[in-house]
Amino acid sequence: MYLKKTYPVNQLRDYSSLFMRSEISRILKDDLSSINLKIDRYDKNLFNRKITYLKYYKHLYKVLGKYYPNEYFYKNEFINKWLKKELGSSNSVIFSEFRIGKAIADLTMFNGTSKVFEIKTELDKEYRLSGQISAYKKIFNEIYLIVPGICLKKYENYDKNIGIISFDSDYKNFQLIRKSEKSIGPDSSTIMEVLYTHEYKEIVKQYYGSLPKMTDFTQFEICSRYISQIPIDSLNVLFINTVKKRSVHNLFFNKINSELNQICLSLNLNKSEKEKLINNLNTQIFS
């Protein structure tokens, strides 16, 4: 399979949609109809040519990387070429699409510190960025923007306290332009929005030795009050350690099928689910 010289933008958008959570979830349910629809629309010559869906996905990933580097492509490349090196130990945990109030962070990492990575592609508008950064400052120790090299001037003076990582679209390399300033710790009220009930109760129990009297109706208010009184450096450690206990499947780094690492992380697929995904894709395309 080869790359064409040009692709209509609607075709590229259709290709990119095959990397969405909903599409991969269909494949996990043995439903390949959506992929077949795209093949019938754009690549009908592939039917009955002993080409697998997996090989087709790898081809689409190359097409997107060259002609339509969207958020999925940048995020996947960043996971494969940057976060993998940063992981270091099994004590590190990575989340895709971590919710903080109304904002959703692209990628977050928790090890000794909490880091958030926000991706801005050439296709993105910056009107939501101020709100996102404001939300991230309330919870994370370090904030990084990942931007294409050609957009660097647009973002490097946005906020001197946040880190900048640039991406070279031609060489597929990431470069640290500026390190993030490190904040001491999270805002206690924001923590209450991020954590589950059993998590904020566990923080109170760990710090104070036991839980105060409470009911299902008063637990949020009481725990909020207790957590607000914990010194910020101690709260930072407790918050990070609590989030790291979540059931997250971070053994997603696969050199052979690295094109799908981000979606495996996003869907939090376990080992058997990942194997099923690859097996379902590793079947021949039929009309």
C-alpha atoms as a PDB file:
ATOM      1  CA  MET A   1       0.000   0.000   0.000  1.00  0.00           C
ATOM      2  CA  TYR A   2       1.316   3.424  -0.909  1.00  0.00           C
ATOM      3  CA  LEU A   3       0.591   7.039  -0.033  1.00  0.00           C
ATOM      4  CA  LYS A   4      -1.115   9.145  -2.657  1.00  0.00           C
ATOM      5  CA  LYS A   5       0.082  12.645  -3.478  1.00  0.00           C
ATOM      6  CA  THR A   6      -3.104  14.231  -2.172  1.00  0.00           C
ATOM      7  CA  TYR A   7      -6.215  13.238  -0.243  1.00  0.00           C
ATOM      8  CA  PRO A   8      -9.540  15.116  -0.023  1.00  0.00           C
ATOM      9  CA  VAL A   9     -10.027  16.549   3.472  1.00  0.00           C
ATOM     10  CA  ASN A  10     -13.318  14.679   3.955  1.00  0.00           C
ATOM     11  CA  GLN A  11     -11.526  11.420   3.253  1.00  0.00           C
ATOM     12  CA  LEU A  12      -8.843  12.258   5.808  1.00  0.00           C
ATOM     13  CA  ARG A  13     -11.497  13.064   8.394  1.00  0.00           C
ATOM     14  CA  ASP A  14     -13.169   9.743   7.695  1.00  0.00           C
ATOM     15  CA  TYR A  15      -9.867   7.959   8.103  1.00  0.00           C
ATOM     16  CA  SER A  16      -9.197   9.707  11.414  1.00  0.00           C
ATOM     17  CA  SER A  17     -12.631   8.679  12.728  1.00  0.00           C
ATOM     18  CA  LEU A  18     -11.544   5.027  12.636  1.00  0.00           C
ATOM     19  CA  PHE A  19      -9.210   5.747  15.557  1.00  0.00           C
ATOM     20  CA  MET A  20     -12.051   6.990  17.763  1.00  0.00           C
ATOM     21  CA  ARG A  21     -13.012   5.143  20.942  1.00  0.00           C
ATOM     22  CA  SER A  22     -16.435   4.257  19.547  1.00  0.00           C
ATOM     23  CA  GLU A  23     -14.941   2.643  16.437  1.00  0.00           C
ATOM     24  CA  ILE A  24     -12.398   0.562  18.346  1.00  0.00           C
ATOM     25  CA  SER A  25     -15.134  -0.501  20.765  1.00  0.00           C
ATOM     26  CA  ARG A  26     -17.111  -1.838  17.800  1.00  0.00           C
ATOM     27  CA  ILE A  27     -14.133  -3.871  16.653  1.00  0.00           C
ATOM     28  CA  LEU A  28     -13.834  -5.365  20.138  1.00  0.00           C
ATOM     29  CA  LYS A  29     -17.465  -6.490  19.708  1.00  0.00           C
ATOM     30  CA  ASP A  30     -16.544  -8.210  16.414  1.00  0.00           C
ATOM     31  CA  ASP A  31     -18.212  -5.471  14.362  1.00  0.00           C
ATOM     32  CA  LEU A  32     -16.062  -4.481  11.364  1.00  0.00           C
ATOM     33  CA  SER A  33     -18.870  -2.868   9.379  1.00  0.00           C
ATOM     34  CA  SER A  34     -17.651   0.697   9.866  1.00  0.00           C
ATOM     35  CA  ILE A  35     -14.186  -0.114   8.545  1.00  0.00           C
ATOM     36  CA  ASN A  36     -15.689  -1.952   5.592  1.00  0.00           C
ATOM     37  CA  LEU A  37     -17.795   1.102   4.824  1.00  0.00           C
ATOM     38  CA  LYS A  38     -14.682   3.307   4.632  1.00  0.00           C
ATOM     39  CA  ILE A  39     -12.861   0.732   2.506  1.00  0.00           C
ATOM     40  CA  ASP A  40     -15.824   0.489   0.156  1.00  0.00           C
ATOM     41  CA  ARG A  41     -15.937   4.277  -0.090  1.00  0.00           C
ATOM     42  CA  TYR A  42     -12.234   4.995  -0.633  1.00  0.00           C
ATOM     43  CA  ASP A  43     -10.173   1.826  -1.053  1.00  0.00           C
ATOM     44  CA  LYS A  44     -12.405  -0.726  -2.747  1.00  0.00           C
ATOM     45  CA  ASN A  45      -9.414  -2.247  -4.530  1.00  0.00           C
ATOM     46  CA  LEU A  46      -8.291  -3.741  -1.192  1.00  0.00           C
ATOM     47  CA  PHE A  47     -11.169  -6.177  -0.973  1.00  0.00           C
ATOM     48  CA  ASN A  48     -10.068  -9.802  -1.353  1.00  0.00           C
ATOM     49  CA  ARG A  49      -6.380  -8.902  -1.746  1.00  0.00           C
ATOM     50  CA  LYS A  50      -5.151 -10.792   1.314  1.00  0.00           C
ATOM     51  CA  ILE A  51      -4.623  -7.550   3.219  1.00  0.00           C
ATOM     52  CA  THR A  52      -5.605  -7.487   6.883  1.00  0.00           C
ATOM     53  CA  TYR A  53      -7.513  -4.774   8.690  1.00  0.00           C
ATOM     54  CA  LEU A  54      -4.474  -4.340  10.904  1.00  0.00           C
ATOM     55  CA  LYS A  55      -2.282  -3.556   7.919  1.00  0.00           C
ATOM     56  CA  TYR A  56      -4.958  -1.157   6.704  1.00  0.00           C
ATOM     57  CA  TYR A  57      -4.892   0.658  10.060  1.00  0.00           C
ATOM     58  CA  LYS A  58      -1.115   0.977   9.871  1.00  0.00           C
ATOM     59  CA  HIS A  59      -1.488   2.475   6.396  1.00  0.00           C
ATOM     60  CA  LEU A  60      -4.118   4.967   7.590  1.00  0.00           C
ATOM     61  CA  TYR A  61      -1.846   6.024  10.440  1.00  0.00           C
ATOM     62  CA  LYS A  62       0.902   6.887   7.935  1.00  0.00           C
ATOM     63  CA  VAL A  63      -1.585   8.830   5.819  1.00  0.00           C
ATOM     64  CA  LEU A  64      -2.745  10.846   8.836  1.00  0.00           C
ATOM     65  CA  GLY A  65       0.837  11.493   9.939  1.00  0.00           C
ATOM     66  CA  LYS A  66       1.737  12.978   6.558  1.00  0.00           C
ATOM     67  CA  TYR A  67      -1.447  14.779   5.537  1.00  0.00           C
ATOM     68  CA  TYR A  68      -3.701  15.158   8.581  1.00  0.00           C
ATOM     69  CA  PRO A  69      -1.723  15.094  11.868  1.00  0.00           C
ATOM     70  CA  ASN A  70      -4.661  15.339  14.240  1.00  0.00           C
ATOM     71  CA  GLU A  71      -4.770  15.039  18.021  1.00  0.00           C
ATOM     72  CA  TYR A  72      -4.773  11.243  17.984  1.00  0.00           C
ATOM     73  CA  PHE A  73      -1.597  11.158  15.896  1.00  0.00           C
ATOM     74  CA  TYR A  74       0.274  13.676  18.089  1.00  0.00           C
ATOM     75  CA  LYS A  75      -0.856  11.989  21.290  1.00  0.00           C
ATOM     76  CA  ASN A  76       0.135   8.540  20.061  1.00  0.00           C
ATOM     77  CA  GLU A  77       3.541   9.714  18.873  1.00  0.00           C
ATOM     78  CA  PHE A  78       4.128  11.499  22.169  1.00  0.00           C
ATOM     79  CA  ILE A  79       3.281   8.353  24.130  1.00  0.00           C
ATOM     80  CA  ASN A  80       5.594   6.224  21.996  1.00  0.00           C
ATOM     81  CA  LYS A  81       8.532   8.609  21.800  1.00  0.00           C
ATOM     82  CA  TRP A  82       8.436  10.644  25.016  1.00  0.00           C
ATOM     83  CA  LEU A  83       6.325   9.254  27.818  1.00  0.00           C
ATOM     84  CA  LYS A  84       7.725   5.775  27.357  1.00  0.00           C
ATOM     85  CA  LYS A  85      11.179   7.123  28.269  1.00  0.00           C
ATOM     86  CA  GLU A  86       9.780   9.143  31.168  1.00  0.00           C
ATOM     87  CA  LEU A  87       7.933   6.221  32.730  1.00  0.00           C
ATOM     88  CA  GLY A  88      11.120   4.856  34.203  1.00  0.00           C
ATOM     89  CA  SER A  89       9.512   2.581  36.751  1.00  0.00           C
ATOM     90  CA  SER A  90       6.317   0.668  37.303  1.00  0.00           C
ATOM     91  CA  ASN A  91       5.382   3.308  39.891  1.00  0.00           C
ATOM     92  CA  SER A  92       4.398   5.728  37.111  1.00  0.00           C
ATOM     93  CA  VAL A  93       0.803   5.873  35.917  1.00  0.00           C
ATOM     94  CA  ILE A  94      -0.507   7.546  32.745  1.00  0.00           C
ATOM     95  CA  PHE A  95      -4.075   8.618  32.037  1.00  0.00           C
ATOM     96  CA  SER A  96      -5.633   9.677  28.768  1.00  0.00           C
ATOM     97  CA  GLU A  97      -8.438  12.262  29.000  1.00  0.00           C
ATOM     98  CA  PHE A  98      -8.261  13.013  32.721  1.00  0.00           C
ATOM     99  CA  ARG A  99     -11.235  15.134  33.813  1.00  0.00           C
ATOM    100  CA  ILE A 100     -10.784  18.234  36.010  1.00  0.00           C
ATOM    101  CA  GLY A 101     -14.165  19.904  36.433  1.00  0.00           C
ATOM    102  CA  LYS A 102     -15.277  20.972  32.957  1.00  0.00           C
ATOM    103  CA  ALA A 103     -11.784  20.586  31.489  1.00  0.00           C
ATOM    104  CA  ILE A 104     -10.391  17.308  30.156  1.00  0.00           C
ATOM    105  CA  ALA A 105      -6.615  16.935  30.029  1.00  0.00           C
ATOM    106  CA  ASP A 106      -5.172  15.119  27.013  1.00  0.00           C
ATOM    107  CA  LEU A 107      -2.539  13.169  28.940  1.00  0.00           C
ATOM    108  CA  THR A 108      -1.508  13.102  32.582  1.00  0.00           C
ATOM    109  CA  MET A 109       1.332  11.337  34.377  1.00  0.00           C
ATOM    110  CA  PHE A 110       1.631  10.582  38.075  1.00  0.00           C
ATOM    111  CA  ASN A 111       4.898   9.386  39.620  1.00  0.00           C
ATOM    112  CA  GLY A 112       6.721  11.501  42.219  1.00  0.00           C
ATOM    113  CA  THR A 113       4.936  14.529  40.791  1.00  0.00           C
ATOM    114  CA  SER A 114       1.786  15.166  38.781  1.00  0.00           C
ATOM    115  CA  LYS A 115       2.198  16.333  35.184  1.00  0.00           C
ATOM    116  CA  VAL A 116      -0.337  17.302  32.555  1.00  0.00           C
ATOM    117  CA  PHE A 117       0.269  17.482  28.804  1.00  0.00           C
ATOM    118  CA  GLU A 118      -2.087  19.493  26.611  1.00  0.00           C
ATOM    119  CA  ILE A 119      -1.797  18.959  22.855  1.00  0.00           C
ATOM    120  CA  LYS A 120      -2.495  21.735  20.365  1.00  0.00           C
ATOM    121  CA  THR A 121      -2.309  20.750  16.700  1.00  0.00           C
ATOM    122  CA  GLU A 122      -2.317  22.944  13.614  1.00  0.00           C
ATOM    123  CA  LEU A 123      -6.052  22.197  13.410  1.00  0.00           C
ATOM    124  CA  ASP A 124      -6.833  23.499  16.929  1.00  0.00           C
ATOM    125  CA  LYS A 125      -8.133  26.888  17.966  1.00  0.00           C
ATOM    126  CA  GLU A 126      -6.716  28.439  21.148  1.00  0.00           C
ATOM    127  CA  TYR A 127      -9.875  30.004  22.547  1.00  0.00           C
ATOM    128  CA  ARG A 128     -10.296  27.266  25.218  1.00  0.00           C
ATOM    129  CA  LEU A 129      -6.675  27.263  26.318  1.00  0.00           C
ATOM    130  CA  SER A 130      -6.888  29.899  29.070  1.00  0.00           C
ATOM    131  CA  GLY A 131      -9.677  27.993  30.814  1.00  0.00           C
ATOM    132  CA  GLN A 132      -7.796  24.705  30.482  1.00  0.00           C
ATOM    133  CA  ILE A 133      -4.557  26.123  31.907  1.00  0.00           C
ATOM    134  CA  SER A 134      -6.436  27.761  34.774  1.00  0.00           C
ATOM    135  CA  ALA A 135      -7.992  24.398  35.691  1.00  0.00           C
ATOM    136  CA  TYR A 136      -4.683  22.528  35.412  1.00  0.00           C
ATOM    137  CA  LYS A 137      -2.879  24.979  37.706  1.00  0.00           C
ATOM    138  CA  LYS A 138      -5.264  24.034  40.512  1.00  0.00           C
ATOM    139  CA  ILE A 139      -4.310  20.375  40.500  1.00  0.00           C
ATOM    140  CA  PHE A 140      -1.007  19.572  38.740  1.00  0.00           C
ATOM    141  CA  ASN A 141       2.603  20.200  39.749  1.00  0.00           C
ATOM    142  CA  GLU A 142       3.769  20.681  36.156  1.00  0.00           C
ATOM    143  CA  ILE A 143       1.970  21.788  32.989  1.00  0.00           C
ATOM    144  CA  TYR A 144       3.215  21.245  29.432  1.00  0.00           C
ATOM    145  CA  LEU A 145       1.909  22.326  26.047  1.00  0.00           C
ATOM    146  CA  ILE A 146       2.771  20.094  23.073  1.00  0.00           C
ATOM    147  CA  VAL A 147       2.699  22.125  19.857  1.00  0.00           C
ATOM    148  CA  PRO A 148       3.895  21.711  16.257  1.00  0.00           C
ATOM    149  CA  GLY A 149       7.189  23.464  15.539  1.00  0.00           C
ATOM    150  CA  ILE A 150       5.507  25.804  13.065  1.00  0.00           C
ATOM    151  CA  CYS A 151       3.134  26.969  15.839  1.00  0.00           C
ATOM    152  CA  LEU A 152       5.848  27.503  18.444  1.00  0.00           C
ATOM    153  CA  LYS A 153       5.863  31.335  18.325  1.00  0.00           C
ATOM    154  CA  LYS A 154       2.118  31.309  18.792  1.00  0.00           C
ATOM    155  CA  TYR A 155       2.351  29.540  22.154  1.00  0.00           C
ATOM    156  CA  GLU A 156       5.807  30.037  23.703  1.00  0.00           C
ATOM    157  CA  ASN A 157       4.947  33.436  25.185  1.00  0.00           C
ATOM    158  CA  TYR A 158       1.459  32.436  26.269  1.00  0.00           C
ATOM    159  CA  ASP A 159       2.397  31.721  29.902  1.00  0.00           C
ATOM    160  CA  LYS A 160       6.042  31.710  31.019  1.00  0.00           C
ATOM    161  CA  ASN A 161       5.258  29.319  33.884  1.00  0.00           C
ATOM    162  CA  ILE A 162       4.155  26.416  31.718  1.00  0.00           C
ATOM    163  CA  GLY A 163       6.493  24.115  29.814  1.00  0.00           C
ATOM    164  CA  ILE A 164       6.652  23.854  26.035  1.00  0.00           C
ATOM    165  CA  ILE A 165       7.400  20.742  23.978  1.00  0.00           C
ATOM    166  CA  SER A 166       7.584  21.120  20.212  1.00  0.00           C
ATOM    167  CA  PHE A 167       6.897  18.457  17.604  1.00  0.00           C
ATOM    168  CA  ASP A 168       8.662  18.233  14.258  1.00  0.00           C
ATOM    169  CA  SER A 169       6.146  16.870  11.751  1.00  0.00           C
ATOM    170  CA  ASP A 170       8.828  15.912   9.217  1.00  0.00           C
ATOM    171  CA  TYR A 171      11.157  13.995  11.521  1.00  0.00           C
ATOM    172  CA  LYS A 172       8.478  12.928  14.046  1.00  0.00           C
ATOM    173  CA  ASN A 173      10.636  14.144  16.941  1.00  0.00           C
ATOM    174  CA  PHE A 174       9.757  15.971  20.164  1.00  0.00           C
ATOM    175  CA  GLN A 175      11.964  18.628  21.728  1.00  0.00           C
ATOM    176  CA  LEU A 176      11.753  20.216  25.156  1.00  0.00           C
ATOM    177  CA  ILE A 177      11.731  23.972  24.587  1.00  0.00           C
ATOM    178  CA  ARG A 178      11.077  25.071  28.145  1.00  0.00           C
ATOM    179  CA  LYS A 179      10.619  23.219  31.430  1.00  0.00           C
ATOM    180  CA  SER A 180       7.502  23.849  33.453  1.00  0.00           C
ATOM    181  CA  GLU A 181       7.694  25.790  36.689  1.00  0.00           C
ATOM    182  CA  LYS A 182       6.800  23.437  39.517  1.00  0.00           C
ATOM    183  CA  SER A 183       3.895  24.252  41.811  1.00  0.00           C
ATOM    184  CA  ILE A 184       3.794  23.005  45.392  1.00  0.00           C
ATOM    185  CA  GLY A 185       0.543  21.153  45.231  1.00  0.00           C
ATOM    186  CA  PRO A 186      -3.157  21.028  44.418  1.00  0.00           C
ATOM    187  CA  ASP A 187      -6.094  23.131  45.513  1.00  0.00           C
ATOM    188  CA  SER A 188      -8.150  21.193  48.065  1.00  0.00           C
ATOM    189  CA  SER A 189     -11.540  22.125  46.606  1.00  0.00           C
ATOM    190  CA  THR A 190     -10.418  21.014  43.133  1.00  0.00           C
ATOM    191  CA  ILE A 191      -9.228  17.706  44.580  1.00  0.00           C
ATOM    192  CA  MET A 192     -12.775  17.069  45.772  1.00  0.00           C
ATOM    193  CA  GLU A 193     -14.013  17.454  42.182  1.00  0.00           C
ATOM    194  CA  VAL A 194     -11.415  15.028  40.834  1.00  0.00           C
ATOM    195  CA  LEU A 195     -11.476  12.227  43.396  1.00  0.00           C
ATOM    196  CA  TYR A 196     -14.110   9.544  43.870  1.00  0.00           C
ATOM    197  CA  THR A 197     -15.898   9.251  47.210  1.00  0.00           C
ATOM    198  CA  HIS A 198     -13.839   6.322  48.466  1.00  0.00           C
ATOM    199  CA  GLU A 199     -10.642   8.161  47.444  1.00  0.00           C
ATOM    200  CA  TYR A 200     -11.187  11.392  49.368  1.00  0.00           C
ATOM    201  CA  LYS A 201     -12.375   9.395  52.371  1.00  0.00           C
ATOM    202  CA  GLU A 202      -9.166   7.363  52.214  1.00  0.00           C
ATOM    203  CA  ILE A 203      -7.069  10.562  52.183  1.00  0.00           C
ATOM    204  CA  VAL A 204      -8.824  11.784  55.329  1.00  0.00           C
ATOM    205  CA  LYS A 205      -8.338   8.415  57.012  1.00  0.00           C
ATOM    206  CA  GLN A 206      -4.658   8.236  56.071  1.00  0.00           C
ATOM    207  CA  TYR A 207      -3.814  11.718  57.312  1.00  0.00           C
ATOM    208  CA  TYR A 208      -5.948  11.850  60.468  1.00  0.00           C
ATOM    209  CA  GLY A 209      -5.786   8.164  61.387  1.00  0.00           C
ATOM    210  CA  SER A 210      -9.544   7.593  61.242  1.00  0.00           C
ATOM    211  CA  LEU A 211     -12.695   8.945  59.647  1.00  0.00           C
ATOM    212  CA  PRO A 212     -14.910  11.427  61.511  1.00  0.00           C
ATOM    213  CA  LYS A 213     -18.593  10.664  61.973  1.00  0.00           C
ATOM    214  CA  MET A 214     -20.498  11.275  58.751  1.00  0.00           C
ATOM    215  CA  THR A 215     -23.424  10.076  56.669  1.00  0.00           C
ATOM    216  CA  ASP A 216     -23.855   9.643  52.933  1.00  0.00           C
ATOM    217  CA  PHE A 217     -25.388  13.124  52.919  1.00  0.00           C
ATOM    218  CA  THR A 218     -22.622  14.865  54.917  1.00  0.00           C
ATOM    219  CA  GLN A 219     -19.468  13.001  53.822  1.00  0.00           C
ATOM    220  CA  PHE A 220     -18.570  15.413  51.020  1.00  0.00           C
ATOM    221  CA  GLU A 221     -18.868  18.531  53.170  1.00  0.00           C
ATOM    222  CA  ILE A 222     -17.045  16.990  56.155  1.00  0.00           C
ATOM    223  CA  CYS A 223     -14.220  15.504  54.089  1.00  0.00           C
ATOM    224  CA  SER A 224     -13.831  18.796  52.215  1.00  0.00           C
ATOM    225  CA  ARG A 225     -13.325  20.604  55.499  1.00  0.00           C
ATOM    226  CA  TYR A 226     -10.787  18.070  56.774  1.00  0.00           C
ATOM    227  CA  ILE A 227      -8.852  17.953  53.497  1.00  0.00           C
ATOM    228  CA  SER A 228      -8.662  21.764  53.333  1.00  0.00           C
ATOM    229  CA  GLN A 229      -6.702  21.698  56.600  1.00  0.00           C
ATOM    230  CA  ILE A 230      -4.005  19.292  55.378  1.00  0.00           C
ATOM    231  CA  PRO A 231      -0.689  21.078  54.606  1.00  0.00           C
ATOM    232  CA  ILE A 232      -0.318  21.459  50.854  1.00  0.00           C
ATOM    233  CA  ASP A 233       2.898  19.449  50.525  1.00  0.00           C
ATOM    234  CA  SER A 234       1.371  16.517  52.425  1.00  0.00           C
ATOM    235  CA  LEU A 235      -1.852  16.813  50.420  1.00  0.00           C
ATOM    236  CA  ASN A 236       0.135  16.704  47.193  1.00  0.00           C
ATOM    237  CA  VAL A 237       1.745  13.378  48.160  1.00  0.00           C
ATOM    238  CA  LEU A 238      -1.563  11.913  49.342  1.00  0.00           C
ATOM    239  CA  PHE A 239      -3.340  12.996  46.150  1.00  0.00           C
ATOM    240  CA  ILE A 240      -0.704  11.526  43.821  1.00  0.00           C
ATOM    241  CA  ASN A 241      -0.520   8.229  45.726  1.00  0.00           C
ATOM    242  CA  THR A 242      -4.309   7.952  45.749  1.00  0.00           C
ATOM    243  CA  VAL A 243      -4.693   8.494  42.010  1.00  0.00           C
ATOM    244  CA  LYS A 244      -1.933   5.964  41.308  1.00  0.00           C
ATOM    245  CA  LYS A 245      -4.033   3.283  43.019  1.00  0.00           C
ATOM    246  CA  ARG A 246      -6.691   3.460  40.307  1.00  0.00           C
ATOM    247  CA  SER A 247      -7.068   0.413  38.094  1.00  0.00           C
ATOM    248  CA  VAL A 248      -5.128   1.564  35.037  1.00  0.00           C
ATOM    249  CA  HIS A 249      -3.630  -0.734  32.403  1.00  0.00           C
ATOM    250  CA  ASN A 250      -0.430   1.024  31.392  1.00  0.00           C
ATOM    251  CA  LEU A 251       1.273  -1.992  29.847  1.00  0.00           C
ATOM    252  CA  PHE A 252       0.247  -0.683  26.442  1.00  0.00           C
ATOM    253  CA  PHE A 253       3.636  -0.091  24.849  1.00  0.00           C
ATOM    254  CA  ASN A 254       3.817  -2.327  21.825  1.00  0.00           C
ATOM    255  CA  LYS A 255       6.514  -1.660  19.233  1.00  0.00           C
ATOM    256  CA  ILE A 256       4.898  -3.910  16.635  1.00  0.00           C
ATOM    257  CA  ASN A 257       1.457  -2.278  16.764  1.00  0.00           C
ATOM    258  CA  SER A 258       2.479   1.086  18.204  1.00  0.00           C
ATOM    259  CA  GLU A 259      -0.097   2.885  16.033  1.00  0.00           C
ATOM    260  CA  LEU A 260      -2.791   1.705  18.450  1.00  0.00           C
ATOM    261  CA  ASN A 261      -1.075   2.418  21.769  1.00  0.00           C
ATOM    262  CA  GLN A 262      -3.027   5.604  22.454  1.00  0.00           C
ATOM    263  CA  ILE A 263      -6.442   4.066  21.886  1.00  0.00           C
ATOM    264  CA  CYS A 264      -5.497   1.127  24.125  1.00  0.00           C
ATOM    265  CA  LEU A 265      -4.600   3.630  26.837  1.00  0.00           C
ATOM    266  CA  SER A 266      -7.732   5.701  26.244  1.00  0.00           C
ATOM    267  CA  LEU A 267      -9.998   2.647  26.547  1.00  0.00           C
ATOM    268  CA  ASN A 268      -7.897   1.267  29.413  1.00  0.00           C
ATOM    269  CA  LEU A 269      -7.750  -2.141  27.751  1.00  0.00           C
ATOM    270  CA  ASN A 270      -6.350  -5.032  29.731  1.00  0.00           C
ATOM    271  CA  LYS A 271      -4.068  -7.673  28.241  1.00  0.00           C
ATOM    272  CA  SER A 272      -6.827  -9.983  26.984  1.00  0.00           C
ATOM    273  CA  GLU A 273      -8.801  -7.095  25.483  1.00  0.00           C
ATOM    274  CA  LYS A 274      -5.727  -5.833  23.632  1.00  0.00           C
ATOM    275  CA  GLU A 275      -5.065  -9.308  22.300  1.00  0.00           C
ATOM    276  CA  LYS A 276      -8.662  -9.578  21.095  1.00  0.00           C
ATOM    277  CA  LEU A 277      -8.415  -6.202  19.354  1.00  0.00           C
ATOM    278  CA  ILE A 278      -5.281  -7.234  17.467  1.00  0.00           C
ATOM    279  CA  ASN A 279      -6.720 -10.655  16.609  1.00  0.00           C
ATOM    280  CA  ASN A 280      -9.922  -9.113  15.235  1.00  0.00           C
ATOM    281  CA  LEU A 281      -7.914  -6.654  13.126  1.00  0.00           C
ATOM    282  CA  ASN A 282      -5.523  -9.342  11.980  1.00  0.00           C
ATOM    283  CA  THR A 283      -8.144 -10.885   9.695  1.00  0.00           C
ATOM    284  CA  GLN A 284      -8.312 -10.516   5.938  1.00  0.00           C
ATOM    285  CA  ILE A 285     -10.422  -7.778   4.373  1.00  0.00           C
ATOM    286  CA  PHE A 286     -13.366  -9.268   2.526  1.00  0.00           C
ATOM    287  CA  SER A 287     -16.032  -7.556   0.471  1.00  0.00           C
END
